[in-house]
Protein backbone atom coordinates (compact mmCIF):
# COMPACT_ATOMS: atom_id res chain seq x y z
CA MET A 1 53.43 102.78 20.00
CA ARG A 2 52.46 103.23 23.62
CA VAL A 3 54.99 104.98 25.84
CA LYS A 4 55.08 105.77 29.55
CA CYS A 5 56.56 108.92 31.10
CA VAL A 6 59.39 108.09 33.48
CA LEU A 7 58.39 110.83 35.94
CA CYS A 8 54.59 110.85 36.15
CA ASP A 9 53.78 107.38 34.70
CA LYS A 10 51.34 108.91 32.20
CA ILE A 11 50.76 106.62 29.21
CA GLU A 12 50.64 108.24 25.75
CA LYS A 13 50.54 106.99 22.20
CA LEU A 14 53.16 107.86 19.56
CA GLU A 15 52.92 107.21 15.85
CA ASP A 16 54.92 104.13 14.84
CA PHE A 17 56.97 106.05 12.25
CA ASP A 18 57.74 108.99 14.51
CA PRO A 19 61.53 109.50 14.92
CA LEU A 20 61.12 109.51 18.71
CA ALA A 21 59.30 106.16 18.59
CA LYS A 22 62.06 104.70 16.44
CA ARG A 23 64.72 105.96 18.85
CA LEU A 24 62.88 104.45 21.83
CA ARG A 25 62.46 101.11 20.05
CA ASN A 26 66.05 100.79 18.87
CA ARG A 27 67.88 102.16 21.89
CA PRO A 28 66.42 100.99 25.21
CA ILE A 29 68.60 103.39 27.22
CA HIS A 30 66.54 106.32 25.90
CA THR A 31 63.55 107.16 28.07
CA TYR A 32 60.34 109.06 27.36
CA MET A 33 59.17 112.18 29.18
CA CYS A 34 55.75 113.68 28.50
CA GLU A 35 55.54 117.27 27.33
CA SER A 36 54.24 118.60 30.66
CA CYS A 37 57.13 117.06 32.63
CA ASP A 38 59.64 118.25 30.03
CA ASP A 39 58.26 121.81 30.25
CA ARG A 40 58.33 121.73 34.05
CA ILE A 41 61.97 120.64 34.13
CA ALA A 42 62.95 123.23 31.51
CA GLU A 43 61.22 125.98 33.49
CA ARG A 44 63.01 125.05 36.70
CA THR A 45 66.35 124.85 34.91
CA VAL A 46 65.88 128.35 33.52
CA LYS A 47 65.10 129.61 37.05
CA ARG A 48 68.27 127.98 38.44
CA LYS A 49 70.39 129.48 35.65
CA ALA A 50 68.90 132.91 36.31
CA SER A 51 69.65 132.66 40.04
CA GLY A 52 73.38 132.53 39.36
CA LEU A 53 73.91 129.40 41.45
CA PHE A 54 73.75 127.04 38.46
CA THR A 55 77.18 125.98 37.26
CA THR A 56 78.19 123.50 34.62
CA PRO A 57 81.28 121.40 35.20
CA ASN A 58 84.16 122.56 33.03
CA PRO A 59 86.97 120.06 32.60
CA GLN A 60 90.42 121.46 33.31
CA LYS A 61 92.51 121.57 30.15
CA GLU A 62 96.02 120.27 30.64
CA GLU A 63 98.72 122.20 28.84
CA SER A 64 100.95 120.09 26.68
CA ASP A 65 104.70 120.46 26.24
CA TRP A 66 104.36 119.66 22.53
CA PRO A 67 104.59 122.71 20.29
């Protein structure tokens, strides 16, 4: 199966029976990112987390009156 990276438009080939290929075939909402783009994003995310300015949204829990 031929796939195209959504960030750099690099075309790669996946084995037809690879779980990732099956996921991409059966669920069109899933997108493919090549390994170099994935590593680059992971590296930048780690840098942001280390800077202390990276926050994840935490939903506010509402307290219930039920015991």
